[in-house]
Each structure stands twice: as C-alpha cells, then as structure tokens.
Amino acid sequence: MTPELRLIETNGIRLRVALAGDGPLVILVHGFPESWYSWRHQIEALSIAGYRVAAPDVRGYGESDRPHAVEAYDMESLTGDIAGLVDALSPNDPAVVVGHDWGAPIAWNTARLHAGKFRAVAGLSVPYIPPGDVVFIDAARALFTDRGLFFYQIYFQDEGPPEAELEADPAETIRKFYYAISGDAPAGTWPIDKKHGDTLLHRLPEPDMPLPWLSEEDVA
C-alpha cells in the first residue's frame, strides 16, 4: 500500500505528511535520521485496523519545510507542528500520537502541552523524562565530553562540521548509521570509546548491501 503524500500547513510551516486510512487519527512521529518512510509498515497495518494514519516528515527532514534558524527547532515549535496536524486533520476529535527515538520526546511533550487534542500517547525507545534541575545537554557534557568521550548530540552543537560530514554522501551516512546501531551488527560496531573530537561516522563500517531489512531503494 502506498500512502498519499500531502503538504499540510501547520504552525506557520508546511509538513509533508503520509496519509492513509479512515477513522480515528493516529499521528506517527519519526526519529533521527529518518522520515515518514520509517513508519511504512505501521501505516499499512494501522489503516487496515480502522485508523486514519498521518506520518509527517518532522520539520527539517525530508520534504517538509526547513527553517534555517536553530531556534526554529525548539520543543515548542516541534510540538506546535504536531498539534497543528490535529487541527488540520481531526479538528473535532482528539488523536493518538506515537513517537520513536527523537520523535518520542516530541510525542510526549505534544500530548503534555496540547492535552485537549490527544486521547493517548506512546513513546518507542525513549521514555518520558520530566524536566529536571539539570539541562540534558549539560548532563551529557559531564558524562561524555568532560571525560574526553564522543557524544553525538554534543557533536551536533557546532554548526557546519556535522552538516559537511553527513551531507557529503547521504546514502553512505544512512547505510553506516543504520547498520551500526542495528541488531545485525556485531557487538562493538558502534564504538563506545570514540573520543571527543571524532566525527559521527568515524570507524563505522560499510555494510554488505542489501540487508534483510534495508535495500538500496530504502536508502534512496
């Protein structure tokens, strides 16, 4: 089944959204580095089960709008995008929102900040973590950077070098990243001893393609 791909206005931007099925709305929020396509199997299953499914490219990904300012990607903006999809697709009935990986905090916080628009929320891979006394990025620096270790979210704090590395060959980036964190990769494929100053793809091997769960068409 091929979902309909539509550009939907929400929260001042346009999101590309994969749509399928009829019934109560379920919004699926992907993680990093992904797009709506990560949900392709779930889209079919949920639509067959009697739901209307909407899987957006989160802002900055895929064919959705990509504001340049870093501030445009704060949690208030990201959650406003998802809440706006409910206004556009199910204005009279609350929706279910499901998030995976980086999409899980978006899902949790969308349901928290826009509670009236949602009747259920689910997070895959990342549980709900309430705000604490220490900002997450500061905790990450203490756990990794201050000990001389690489942490990808610290690496992403500097504009320029991460973009240059990951955009040099997007297909290579996806192959290496997905394989290194997959269950098919031997233990140690994702090195836990990388040093602060290394790059994201440093020491990640090229997999033998195709993988049982990833073809070159999927990568494309």
N, C-alpha and C. Protein backbone atom coordinates (compact mmCIF):
# COMPACT_ATOMS: atom_id res chain seq x y z
N MET A 1 0.83 -1.19 0.00
CA MET A 1 0.00 0.00 0.00
C MET A 1 0.87 1.25 0.00
N THR A 2 0.58 2.17 -0.89
CA THR A 2 1.32 3.43 -0.97
C THR A 2 0.47 4.54 -0.38
N PRO A 3 0.91 5.19 0.69
CA PRO A 3 0.10 6.28 1.27
C PRO A 3 0.11 7.51 0.38
N GLU A 4 -0.88 8.36 0.58
CA GLU A 4 -0.92 9.65 -0.09
C GLU A 4 0.07 10.59 0.58
N LEU A 5 0.88 11.28 -0.20
CA LEU A 5 1.81 12.27 0.33
C LEU A 5 1.25 13.66 0.07
N ARG A 6 1.07 14.42 1.16
CA ARG A 6 0.44 15.73 1.04
C ARG A 6 1.20 16.75 1.86
N LEU A 7 1.31 17.97 1.35
CA LEU A 7 1.86 19.08 2.12
C LEU A 7 0.73 19.73 2.91
N ILE A 8 0.90 19.81 4.24
CA ILE A 8 -0.14 20.35 5.12
C ILE A 8 0.42 21.55 5.87
N GLU A 9 -0.32 22.65 5.85
CA GLU A 9 0.05 23.85 6.57
C GLU A 9 -0.21 23.64 8.07
N THR A 10 0.80 23.93 8.88
CA THR A 10 0.65 23.79 10.33
C THR A 10 1.68 24.67 11.02
N ASN A 11 1.23 25.44 11.99
CA ASN A 11 2.15 26.19 12.84
C ASN A 11 3.09 27.10 12.05
N GLY A 12 2.60 27.62 10.95
CA GLY A 12 3.39 28.55 10.15
C GLY A 12 4.34 27.94 9.15
N ILE A 13 4.36 26.61 9.04
CA ILE A 13 5.20 25.94 8.05
C ILE A 13 4.38 24.89 7.33
N ARG A 14 5.01 24.19 6.38
CA ARG A 14 4.37 23.08 5.68
C ARG A 14 5.13 21.80 6.00
N LEU A 15 4.36 20.78 6.38
CA LEU A 15 4.93 19.46 6.60
C LEU A 15 4.45 18.52 5.50
N ARG A 16 5.38 17.72 4.97
CA ARG A 16 4.95 16.63 4.10
C ARG A 16 4.46 15.50 4.98
N VAL A 17 3.25 15.02 4.70
CA VAL A 17 2.63 14.01 5.55
C VAL A 17 2.17 12.84 4.69
N ALA A 18 2.50 11.63 5.14
CA ALA A 18 1.98 10.42 4.51
C ALA A 18 0.66 10.08 5.17
N LEU A 19 -0.40 9.94 4.37
CA LEU A 19 -1.75 9.74 4.88
C LEU A 19 -2.33 8.44 4.33
N ALA A 20 -3.06 7.73 5.19
CA ALA A 20 -3.73 6.50 4.75
C ALA A 20 -4.86 6.19 5.72
N GLY A 21 -5.90 5.54 5.20
CA GLY A 21 -6.96 5.02 6.03
C GLY A 21 -8.01 6.04 6.43
N ASP A 22 -9.05 5.52 7.09
CA ASP A 22 -10.14 6.34 7.62
C ASP A 22 -10.44 5.88 9.03
N GLY A 23 -10.86 6.82 9.86
CA GLY A 23 -11.18 6.50 11.24
C GLY A 23 -10.50 7.46 12.19
N PRO A 24 -10.39 7.09 13.47
CA PRO A 24 -9.71 7.95 14.44
C PRO A 24 -8.26 8.21 14.03
N LEU A 25 -7.80 9.45 14.26
CA LEU A 25 -6.48 9.86 13.79
C LEU A 25 -5.36 9.34 14.69
N VAL A 26 -4.34 8.78 14.06
CA VAL A 26 -3.10 8.39 14.74
C VAL A 26 -1.96 9.10 14.02
N ILE A 27 -1.17 9.88 14.77
CA ILE A 27 -0.02 10.58 14.21
C ILE A 27 1.25 9.85 14.63
N LEU A 28 2.11 9.54 13.66
CA LEU A 28 3.36 8.81 13.90
C LEU A 28 4.53 9.76 13.67
N VAL A 29 5.35 9.96 14.69
CA VAL A 29 6.45 10.93 14.64
C VAL A 29 7.78 10.17 14.62
N HIS A 30 8.53 10.32 13.57
CA HIS A 30 9.78 9.57 13.39
C HIS A 30 10.93 10.17 14.20
N GLY A 31 12.04 9.44 14.21
CA GLY A 31 13.24 9.88 14.91
C GLY A 31 14.34 10.30 13.94
N PHE A 32 15.59 10.17 14.39
CA PHE A 32 16.77 10.61 13.63
C PHE A 32 17.67 9.42 13.33
N PRO A 33 18.23 9.37 12.11
CA PRO A 33 17.95 10.20 10.94
C PRO A 33 16.92 9.49 10.06
N GLU A 34 15.69 9.93 10.10
CA GLU A 34 14.61 9.20 9.47
C GLU A 34 13.65 10.14 8.74
N SER A 35 12.51 9.59 8.34
CA SER A 35 11.44 10.35 7.70
C SER A 35 10.15 9.56 7.90
N TRP A 36 9.07 10.02 7.27
CA TRP A 36 7.81 9.27 7.37
C TRP A 36 7.98 7.82 6.94
N TYR A 37 8.94 7.56 6.05
CA TYR A 37 9.11 6.24 5.45
C TYR A 37 9.42 5.17 6.49
N SER A 38 9.98 5.57 7.63
CA SER A 38 10.28 4.59 8.67
C SER A 38 9.02 3.90 9.18
N TRP A 39 7.87 4.54 9.01
CA TRP A 39 6.60 4.00 9.51
C TRP A 39 5.82 3.24 8.44
N ARG A 40 6.42 2.95 7.28
CA ARG A 40 5.64 2.43 6.16
C ARG A 40 4.88 1.16 6.51
N HIS A 41 5.46 0.26 7.29
CA HIS A 41 4.77 -0.98 7.65
C HIS A 41 3.64 -0.70 8.65
N GLN A 42 3.89 0.19 9.61
CA GLN A 42 2.87 0.52 10.60
C GLN A 42 1.71 1.30 9.97
N ILE A 43 2.01 2.14 8.99
CA ILE A 43 0.96 2.89 8.30
C ILE A 43 -0.05 1.92 7.70
N GLU A 44 0.44 0.91 7.03
CA GLU A 44 -0.46 -0.07 6.40
C GLU A 44 -1.25 -0.83 7.45
N ALA A 45 -0.57 -1.30 8.49
CA ALA A 45 -1.25 -2.11 9.50
C ALA A 45 -2.32 -1.30 10.23
N LEU A 46 -2.01 -0.06 10.59
CA LEU A 46 -2.97 0.75 11.33
C LEU A 46 -4.15 1.17 10.46
N SER A 47 -3.90 1.46 9.20
CA SER A 47 -5.01 1.84 8.32
C SER A 47 -5.95 0.66 8.10
N ILE A 48 -5.39 -0.54 7.97
CA ILE A 48 -6.22 -1.74 7.83
C ILE A 48 -7.04 -1.98 9.10
N ALA A 49 -6.46 -1.61 10.25
CA ALA A 49 -7.14 -1.80 11.53
C ALA A 49 -8.24 -0.78 11.78
N GLY A 50 -8.40 0.20 10.89
CA GLY A 50 -9.50 1.13 11.02
C GLY A 50 -9.14 2.51 11.51
N TYR A 51 -7.88 2.91 11.33
CA TYR A 51 -7.45 4.24 11.75
C TYR A 51 -7.06 5.09 10.55
N ARG A 52 -7.17 6.40 10.72
CA ARG A 52 -6.57 7.31 9.76
C ARG A 52 -5.17 7.63 10.28
N VAL A 53 -4.17 7.37 9.47
CA VAL A 53 -2.79 7.48 9.89
C VAL A 53 -2.14 8.67 9.19
N ALA A 54 -1.43 9.47 9.97
CA ALA A 54 -0.67 10.61 9.43
C ALA A 54 0.76 10.51 9.94
N ALA A 55 1.70 10.34 9.03
CA ALA A 55 3.12 10.24 9.39
C ALA A 55 3.87 11.38 8.72
N PRO A 56 4.18 12.44 9.46
CA PRO A 56 4.86 13.58 8.84
C PRO A 56 6.37 13.39 8.76
N ASP A 57 6.97 14.10 7.81
CA ASP A 57 8.39 14.42 7.93
C ASP A 57 8.47 15.56 8.94
N VAL A 58 9.13 15.33 10.06
CA VAL A 58 9.31 16.39 11.06
C VAL A 58 10.01 17.58 10.40
N ARG A 59 9.73 18.78 10.86
CA ARG A 59 10.36 19.97 10.26
C ARG A 59 11.88 19.78 10.21
N GLY A 60 12.46 20.14 9.08
CA GLY A 60 13.90 19.95 8.88
C GLY A 60 14.26 18.66 8.17
N TYR A 61 13.29 17.75 8.05
CA TYR A 61 13.55 16.45 7.42
C TYR A 61 12.77 16.33 6.11
N GLY A 62 13.27 15.48 5.22
CA GLY A 62 12.54 15.10 4.03
C GLY A 62 12.09 16.29 3.21
N GLU A 63 10.82 16.29 2.85
CA GLU A 63 10.26 17.35 2.02
C GLU A 63 9.47 18.37 2.83
N SER A 64 9.56 18.32 4.15
CA SER A 64 8.94 19.36 4.97
C SER A 64 9.80 20.62 4.94
N ASP A 65 9.20 21.74 5.35
CA ASP A 65 9.95 22.99 5.41
C ASP A 65 11.14 22.86 6.34
N ARG A 66 12.20 23.60 6.03
CA ARG A 66 13.46 23.53 6.79
C ARG A 66 13.90 24.93 7.19
N PRO A 67 13.27 25.53 8.19
CA PRO A 67 13.73 26.86 8.64
C PRO A 67 15.21 26.80 9.00
N HIS A 68 15.92 27.90 8.73
CA HIS A 68 17.37 27.88 8.95
C HIS A 68 17.75 28.09 10.40
N ALA A 69 17.03 28.93 11.11
CA ALA A 69 17.42 29.30 12.46
C ALA A 69 17.37 28.11 13.41
N VAL A 70 18.41 27.95 14.20
CA VAL A 70 18.44 26.88 15.20
C VAL A 70 17.23 26.98 16.13
N GLU A 71 16.85 28.21 16.48
CA GLU A 71 15.75 28.42 17.41
C GLU A 71 14.42 27.90 16.86
N ALA A 72 14.34 27.69 15.56
CA ALA A 72 13.11 27.20 14.95
C ALA A 72 12.85 25.73 15.26
N TYR A 73 13.79 25.08 15.93
CA TYR A 73 13.65 23.66 16.23
C TYR A 73 13.51 23.39 17.73
N ASP A 74 13.08 24.40 18.48
CA ASP A 74 12.87 24.17 19.90
C ASP A 74 11.62 23.32 20.09
N MET A 75 11.43 22.79 21.31
CA MET A 75 10.35 21.87 21.56
C MET A 75 8.98 22.51 21.36
N GLU A 76 8.88 23.80 21.68
CA GLU A 76 7.60 24.48 21.48
C GLU A 76 7.20 24.47 20.01
N SER A 77 8.18 24.70 19.12
CA SER A 77 7.89 24.69 17.68
C SER A 77 7.55 23.29 17.19
N LEU A 78 8.33 22.31 17.60
CA LEU A 78 8.11 20.94 17.14
C LEU A 78 6.77 20.40 17.59
N THR A 79 6.41 20.67 18.85
CA THR A 79 5.12 20.19 19.35
C THR A 79 3.97 20.96 18.72
N GLY A 80 4.18 22.24 18.44
CA GLY A 80 3.15 23.02 17.76
C GLY A 80 2.84 22.49 16.37
N ASP A 81 3.86 21.99 15.69
CA ASP A 81 3.64 21.39 14.37
C ASP A 81 2.69 20.21 14.46
N ILE A 82 2.94 19.32 15.42
CA ILE A 82 2.14 18.10 15.53
C ILE A 82 0.73 18.42 16.00
N ALA A 83 0.60 19.34 16.96
CA ALA A 83 -0.73 19.75 17.40
C ALA A 83 -1.51 20.36 16.24
N GLY A 84 -0.83 21.10 15.38
CA GLY A 84 -1.48 21.71 14.23
C GLY A 84 -2.01 20.68 13.24
N LEU A 85 -1.36 19.52 13.17
CA LEU A 85 -1.88 18.46 12.30
C LEU A 85 -3.23 17.97 12.78
N VAL A 86 -3.43 17.93 14.10
CA VAL A 86 -4.75 17.54 14.62
C VAL A 86 -5.79 18.56 14.18
N ASP A 87 -5.46 19.85 14.27
CA ASP A 87 -6.39 20.89 13.83
C ASP A 87 -6.74 20.72 12.36
N ALA A 88 -5.75 20.32 11.55
CA ALA A 88 -5.97 20.20 10.11
C ALA A 88 -6.71 18.92 9.73
N LEU A 89 -6.45 17.84 10.47
CA LEU A 89 -6.95 16.53 10.05
C LEU A 89 -8.07 15.97 10.91
N SER A 90 -8.16 16.43 12.16
CA SER A 90 -9.19 15.89 13.07
C SER A 90 -9.61 16.98 14.04
N PRO A 91 -10.19 18.07 13.54
CA PRO A 91 -10.47 19.22 14.40
C PRO A 91 -11.51 18.96 15.49
N ASN A 92 -12.34 17.95 15.30
CA ASN A 92 -13.43 17.72 16.25
C ASN A 92 -13.21 16.53 17.17
N ASP A 93 -12.14 15.78 16.96
CA ASP A 93 -11.88 14.60 17.78
C ASP A 93 -10.41 14.52 18.15
N PRO A 94 -10.10 14.15 19.40
CA PRO A 94 -8.69 14.03 19.80
C PRO A 94 -8.02 12.86 19.09
N ALA A 95 -6.71 12.96 18.96
CA ALA A 95 -5.92 11.97 18.23
C ALA A 95 -5.04 11.18 19.18
N VAL A 96 -4.40 10.17 18.63
CA VAL A 96 -3.33 9.42 19.30
C VAL A 96 -2.02 9.86 18.66
N VAL A 97 -0.99 10.08 19.47
CA VAL A 97 0.32 10.44 18.93
C VAL A 97 1.34 9.43 19.42
N VAL A 98 2.15 8.94 18.49
CA VAL A 98 3.17 7.93 18.77
C VAL A 98 4.50 8.47 18.26
N GLY A 99 5.55 8.41 19.07
CA GLY A 99 6.85 8.88 18.65
C GLY A 99 7.92 7.83 18.88
N HIS A 100 8.89 7.80 17.98
CA HIS A 100 10.01 6.88 18.11
C HIS A 100 11.31 7.67 18.15
N ASP A 101 12.24 7.26 19.04
CA ASP A 101 13.56 7.86 19.12
C ASP A 101 13.42 9.36 19.39
N TRP A 102 14.03 10.23 18.57
CA TRP A 102 13.88 11.66 18.80
C TRP A 102 12.42 12.09 18.68
N GLY A 103 11.61 11.29 18.00
CA GLY A 103 10.20 11.61 17.90
C GLY A 103 9.43 11.35 19.18
N ALA A 104 9.98 10.52 20.08
CA ALA A 104 9.28 10.22 21.32
C ALA A 104 9.15 11.46 22.22
N PRO A 105 10.23 12.23 22.47
CA PRO A 105 10.05 13.45 23.24
C PRO A 105 9.08 14.43 22.59
N ILE A 106 9.06 14.47 21.26
CA ILE A 106 8.09 15.34 20.59
C ILE A 106 6.68 14.86 20.90
N ALA A 107 6.46 13.55 20.82
CA ALA A 107 5.13 13.00 21.09
C ALA A 107 4.72 13.25 22.53
N TRP A 108 5.59 12.91 23.47
CA TRP A 108 5.25 13.10 24.89
C TRP A 108 4.91 14.56 25.17
N ASN A 109 5.74 15.46 24.70
CA ASN A 109 5.55 16.86 25.03
C ASN A 109 4.40 17.49 24.26
N THR A 110 4.11 16.98 23.06
CA THR A 110 2.93 17.46 22.35
C THR A 110 1.67 17.13 23.15
N ALA A 111 1.59 15.89 23.63
CA ALA A 111 0.43 15.48 24.42
C ALA A 111 0.36 16.25 25.73
N ARG A 112 1.51 16.58 26.30
CA ARG A 112 1.54 17.32 27.57
C ARG A 112 1.13 18.78 27.38
N LEU A 113 1.65 19.42 26.32
CA LEU A 113 1.40 20.84 26.11
C LEU A 113 0.07 21.11 25.42
N HIS A 114 -0.47 20.11 24.72
CA HIS A 114 -1.73 20.27 23.99
C HIS A 114 -2.67 19.14 24.36
N ALA A 115 -2.89 18.97 25.66
CA ALA A 115 -3.58 17.79 26.18
C ALA A 115 -4.98 17.63 25.60
N GLY A 116 -5.67 18.71 25.32
CA GLY A 116 -7.02 18.62 24.82
C GLY A 116 -7.14 18.04 23.43
N LYS A 117 -6.05 17.98 22.71
CA LYS A 117 -6.08 17.48 21.33
C LYS A 117 -5.77 15.99 21.24
N PHE A 118 -5.40 15.36 22.37
CA PHE A 118 -4.94 13.97 22.32
C PHE A 118 -5.63 13.12 23.37
N ARG A 119 -5.92 11.88 23.00
CA ARG A 119 -6.53 10.94 23.93
C ARG A 119 -5.56 9.85 24.38
N ALA A 120 -4.43 9.74 23.69
CA ALA A 120 -3.43 8.75 24.08
C ALA A 120 -2.09 9.13 23.47
N VAL A 121 -1.02 8.67 24.13
CA VAL A 121 0.34 8.96 23.66
C VAL A 121 1.20 7.74 23.92
N ALA A 122 2.13 7.46 22.98
CA ALA A 122 3.06 6.34 23.15
C ALA A 122 4.44 6.77 22.71
N GLY A 123 5.45 6.33 23.46
CA GLY A 123 6.83 6.59 23.10
C GLY A 123 7.58 5.29 22.91
N LEU A 124 8.26 5.15 21.78
CA LEU A 124 9.06 3.96 21.48
C LEU A 124 10.53 4.33 21.62
N SER A 125 11.27 3.54 22.35
CA SER A 125 12.72 3.69 22.54
C SER A 125 13.07 4.70 23.61
N VAL A 126 12.33 5.80 23.69
CA VAL A 126 12.65 6.85 24.65
C VAL A 126 11.46 7.07 25.59
N PRO A 127 11.60 6.83 26.90
CA PRO A 127 10.50 7.06 27.83
C PRO A 127 10.34 8.53 28.15
N TYR A 128 9.22 8.86 28.74
CA TYR A 128 9.00 10.24 29.15
C TYR A 128 9.95 10.59 30.29
N ILE A 129 10.62 11.73 30.14
CA ILE A 129 11.52 12.23 31.18
C ILE A 129 11.06 13.63 31.53
N PRO A 130 10.57 13.85 32.74
CA PRO A 130 10.10 15.20 33.10
C PRO A 130 11.27 16.16 33.21
N PRO A 131 11.01 17.45 33.08
CA PRO A 131 12.08 18.44 33.25
C PRO A 131 12.72 18.32 34.62
N GLY A 132 14.05 18.46 34.67
CA GLY A 132 14.77 18.33 35.92
C GLY A 132 15.58 19.57 36.24
N ASP A 133 16.43 19.45 37.22
CA ASP A 133 17.24 20.60 37.64
C ASP A 133 18.43 20.84 36.72
N VAL A 134 18.82 19.79 35.96
CA VAL A 134 19.98 19.89 35.08
C VAL A 134 19.51 19.79 33.63
N VAL A 135 19.92 20.74 32.81
CA VAL A 135 19.62 20.68 31.38
C VAL A 135 20.31 19.46 30.78
N PHE A 136 19.61 18.74 29.89
CA PHE A 136 20.15 17.49 29.37
C PHE A 136 21.52 17.66 28.74
N ILE A 137 21.70 18.70 27.93
CA ILE A 137 22.97 18.85 27.22
C ILE A 137 24.12 19.07 28.20
N ASP A 138 23.84 19.71 29.34
CA ASP A 138 24.88 19.89 30.36
C ASP A 138 25.22 18.56 31.02
N ALA A 139 24.19 17.73 31.24
CA ALA A 139 24.44 16.40 31.80
C ALA A 139 25.25 15.55 30.83
N ALA A 140 24.97 15.68 29.53
CA ALA A 140 25.72 14.93 28.53
C ALA A 140 27.17 15.37 28.49
N ARG A 141 27.41 16.66 28.62
CA ARG A 141 28.80 17.13 28.65
C ARG A 141 29.55 16.56 29.86
N ALA A 142 28.89 16.50 30.99
CA ALA A 142 29.54 15.97 32.18
C ALA A 142 29.83 14.48 32.03
N LEU A 143 28.90 13.75 31.40
CA LEU A 143 29.05 12.30 31.26
C LEU A 143 30.04 11.91 30.18
N PHE A 144 30.13 12.72 29.14
CA PHE A 144 30.94 12.33 27.98
C PHE A 144 32.08 13.32 27.73
N THR A 145 31.74 14.55 27.38
CA THR A 145 32.76 15.50 26.95
C THR A 145 33.82 15.73 28.01
N ASP A 146 33.41 15.91 29.25
CA ASP A 146 34.37 16.17 30.32
C ASP A 146 35.28 14.98 30.58
N ARG A 147 34.87 13.83 30.10
CA ARG A 147 35.69 12.61 30.23
C ARG A 147 36.43 12.28 28.94
N GLY A 148 36.37 13.23 27.97
CA GLY A 148 37.10 13.06 26.71
C GLY A 148 36.42 12.14 25.72
N LEU A 149 35.12 11.83 25.94
CA LEU A 149 34.42 10.88 25.08
C LEU A 149 33.50 11.58 24.10
N PHE A 150 33.29 10.93 22.96
CA PHE A 150 32.40 11.44 21.91
C PHE A 150 30.95 11.22 22.32
N PHE A 151 30.11 12.22 22.06
CA PHE A 151 28.66 12.05 22.18
C PHE A 151 28.02 12.81 21.04
N TYR A 152 27.18 12.13 20.28
CA TYR A 152 26.71 12.70 19.01
C TYR A 152 25.93 14.00 19.20
N GLN A 153 25.17 14.14 20.29
CA GLN A 153 24.42 15.37 20.46
C GLN A 153 25.34 16.56 20.78
N ILE A 154 26.46 16.30 21.41
CA ILE A 154 27.46 17.35 21.60
C ILE A 154 28.07 17.71 20.25
N TYR A 155 28.36 16.71 19.44
CA TYR A 155 28.92 16.94 18.10
C TYR A 155 28.01 17.83 17.28
N PHE A 156 26.70 17.68 17.45
CA PHE A 156 25.74 18.44 16.66
C PHE A 156 25.57 19.88 17.13
N GLN A 157 26.20 20.26 18.22
CA GLN A 157 26.02 21.62 18.73
C GLN A 157 26.73 22.66 17.87
N ASP A 158 27.75 22.26 17.14
CA ASP A 158 28.50 23.20 16.30
C ASP A 158 27.93 23.18 14.88
N GLU A 159 27.51 24.33 14.39
CA GLU A 159 27.02 24.41 13.02
C GLU A 159 28.17 24.28 12.04
N GLY A 160 27.98 23.47 11.02
CA GLY A 160 28.96 23.36 9.94
C GLY A 160 29.58 21.99 9.80
N PRO A 161 30.45 21.57 10.73
CA PRO A 161 31.11 20.28 10.57
C PRO A 161 30.16 19.08 10.47
N PRO A 162 29.12 18.97 11.31
CA PRO A 162 28.23 17.81 11.17
C PRO A 162 27.52 17.80 9.81
N GLU A 163 27.06 18.97 9.36
CA GLU A 163 26.38 19.04 8.07
C GLU A 163 27.33 18.61 6.95
N ALA A 164 28.57 19.09 7.02
CA ALA A 164 29.53 18.75 5.97
C ALA A 164 29.79 17.25 5.93
N GLU A 165 29.90 16.63 7.10
CA GLU A 165 30.17 15.19 7.13
C GLU A 165 28.98 14.39 6.61
N LEU A 166 27.80 14.66 7.15
CA LEU A 166 26.64 13.82 6.84
C LEU A 166 26.10 14.07 5.44
N GLU A 167 26.29 15.29 4.92
CA GLU A 167 25.77 15.60 3.59
C GLU A 167 26.74 15.26 2.47
N ALA A 168 27.98 14.90 2.81
CA ALA A 168 28.96 14.58 1.77
C ALA A 168 28.48 13.41 0.92
N ASP A 169 27.89 12.41 1.54
CA ASP A 169 27.31 11.25 0.84
C ASP A 169 26.14 10.77 1.69
N PRO A 170 24.94 11.32 1.48
CA PRO A 170 23.81 10.95 2.33
C PRO A 170 23.51 9.46 2.36
N ALA A 171 23.65 8.78 1.23
CA ALA A 171 23.38 7.34 1.21
C ALA A 171 24.37 6.58 2.09
N GLU A 172 25.63 6.96 2.03
CA GLU A 172 26.64 6.33 2.89
C GLU A 172 26.31 6.60 4.36
N THR A 173 25.91 7.82 4.68
CA THR A 173 25.55 8.15 6.05
C THR A 173 24.45 7.24 6.56
N ILE A 174 23.39 7.07 5.77
CA ILE A 174 22.27 6.23 6.20
C ILE A 174 22.70 4.78 6.35
N ARG A 175 23.44 4.26 5.38
CA ARG A 175 23.87 2.85 5.45
C ARG A 175 24.69 2.60 6.71
N LYS A 176 25.70 3.42 6.93
CA LYS A 176 26.59 3.19 8.06
C LYS A 176 25.88 3.38 9.39
N PHE A 177 25.10 4.45 9.50
CA PHE A 177 24.43 4.76 10.76
C PHE A 177 23.42 3.67 11.11
N TYR A 178 22.56 3.32 10.16
CA TYR A 178 21.52 2.32 10.44
C TYR A 178 22.14 0.98 10.79
N TYR A 179 23.15 0.57 10.03
CA TYR A 179 23.74 -0.74 10.29
C TYR A 179 24.43 -0.77 11.65
N ALA A 180 25.16 0.28 11.99
CA ALA A 180 25.96 0.26 13.21
C ALA A 180 25.11 0.15 14.47
N ILE A 181 23.86 0.64 14.41
CA ILE A 181 23.01 0.57 15.59
C ILE A 181 21.96 -0.54 15.47
N SER A 182 22.09 -1.39 14.47
CA SER A 182 21.10 -2.44 14.26
C SER A 182 21.46 -3.71 15.03
N GLY A 183 20.50 -4.59 15.14
CA GLY A 183 20.74 -5.88 15.77
C GLY A 183 21.59 -6.82 14.94
N ASP A 184 21.75 -6.51 13.65
CA ASP A 184 22.57 -7.35 12.78
C ASP A 184 24.06 -7.08 12.93
N ALA A 185 24.41 -5.93 13.46
CA ALA A 185 25.83 -5.57 13.56
C ALA A 185 26.48 -6.29 14.73
N PRO A 186 27.69 -6.79 14.55
CA PRO A 186 28.39 -7.45 15.66
C PRO A 186 28.61 -6.49 16.82
N ALA A 187 28.74 -7.03 18.01
CA ALA A 187 29.00 -6.21 19.19
C ALA A 187 30.24 -5.34 18.96
N GLY A 188 30.12 -4.08 19.33
CA GLY A 188 31.24 -3.16 19.17
C GLY A 188 31.25 -2.40 17.86
N THR A 189 30.29 -2.71 16.97
CA THR A 189 30.25 -2.00 15.69
C THR A 189 30.04 -0.50 15.91
N TRP A 190 29.16 -0.17 16.88
CA TRP A 190 29.04 1.23 17.28
C TRP A 190 30.04 1.46 18.41
N PRO A 191 31.16 2.09 18.14
CA PRO A 191 32.23 2.19 19.14
C PRO A 191 31.83 3.10 20.30
N ILE A 192 32.01 2.59 21.50
CA ILE A 192 31.67 3.37 22.69
C ILE A 192 32.89 4.08 23.26
N ASP A 193 34.04 3.91 22.61
CA ASP A 193 35.26 4.54 23.11
C ASP A 193 35.76 5.66 22.20
N LYS A 194 34.88 6.15 21.32
CA LYS A 194 35.30 7.26 20.47
C LYS A 194 35.60 8.49 21.33
N LYS A 195 36.53 9.27 20.85
CA LYS A 195 37.00 10.42 21.62
C LYS A 195 36.27 11.70 21.19
N HIS A 196 36.14 12.62 22.11
CA HIS A 196 35.63 13.94 21.78
C HIS A 196 36.55 14.56 20.73
N GLY A 197 35.98 15.01 19.64
CA GLY A 197 36.75 15.49 18.51
C GLY A 197 36.63 14.57 17.31
N ASP A 198 36.26 13.28 17.54
CA ASP A 198 35.97 12.39 16.44
C ASP A 198 34.66 12.82 15.77
N THR A 199 34.39 12.26 14.60
CA THR A 199 33.16 12.58 13.89
C THR A 199 32.15 11.45 14.07
N LEU A 200 30.92 11.70 13.64
CA LEU A 200 29.86 10.71 13.84
C LEU A 200 30.16 9.41 13.10
N LEU A 201 30.61 9.50 11.86
CA LEU A 201 30.80 8.30 11.04
C LEU A 201 32.16 7.65 11.25
N HIS A 202 33.02 8.25 12.05
CA HIS A 202 34.36 7.71 12.28
C HIS A 202 34.27 6.28 12.80
N ARG A 203 34.92 5.36 12.09
CA ARG A 203 35.02 3.94 12.45
C ARG A 203 33.73 3.15 12.24
N LEU A 204 32.72 3.75 11.60
CA LEU A 204 31.53 2.97 11.29
C LEU A 204 31.73 2.27 9.95
N PRO A 205 31.55 0.95 9.88
CA PRO A 205 31.84 0.21 8.65
C PRO A 205 30.71 0.29 7.63
N GLU A 206 31.06 0.07 6.37
CA GLU A 206 30.06 -0.08 5.31
C GLU A 206 29.47 -1.49 5.40
N PRO A 207 28.16 -1.64 5.46
CA PRO A 207 27.56 -2.98 5.47
C PRO A 207 27.54 -3.58 4.08
N ASP A 208 27.42 -4.89 4.02
CA ASP A 208 27.20 -5.58 2.75
C ASP A 208 25.72 -5.45 2.40
N MET A 209 25.44 -4.68 1.38
CA MET A 209 24.06 -4.44 0.96
C MET A 209 23.64 -5.46 -0.08
N PRO A 210 22.34 -5.78 -0.14
CA PRO A 210 21.28 -5.28 0.75
C PRO A 210 21.26 -6.04 2.07
N LEU A 211 20.74 -5.39 3.09
CA LEU A 211 20.48 -6.04 4.36
C LEU A 211 19.06 -6.60 4.34
N PRO A 212 18.75 -7.58 5.19
CA PRO A 212 17.40 -8.16 5.17
C PRO A 212 16.30 -7.12 5.38
N TRP A 213 16.64 -6.05 6.05
CA TRP A 213 15.63 -5.04 6.40
C TRP A 213 15.91 -3.69 5.75
N LEU A 214 16.93 -3.63 4.87
CA LEU A 214 17.30 -2.36 4.26
C LEU A 214 17.87 -2.61 2.87
N SER A 215 17.17 -2.10 1.86
CA SER A 215 17.64 -2.20 0.48
C SER A 215 18.19 -0.84 0.04
N GLU A 216 18.85 -0.82 -1.11
CA GLU A 216 19.32 0.45 -1.65
C GLU A 216 18.13 1.35 -1.99
N GLU A 217 16.98 0.74 -2.36
CA GLU A 217 15.78 1.54 -2.63
C GLU A 217 15.30 2.20 -1.34
N ASP A 218 15.38 1.47 -0.22
CA ASP A 218 15.01 2.05 1.06
C ASP A 218 15.91 3.23 1.41
N VAL A 219 17.20 3.06 1.19
CA VAL A 219 18.16 4.12 1.48
C VAL A 219 17.83 5.36 0.66
N ALA A 220 17.54 5.14 -0.61
CA ALA A 220 17.21 6.26 -1.51
C ALA A 220 15.95 6.98 -1.03
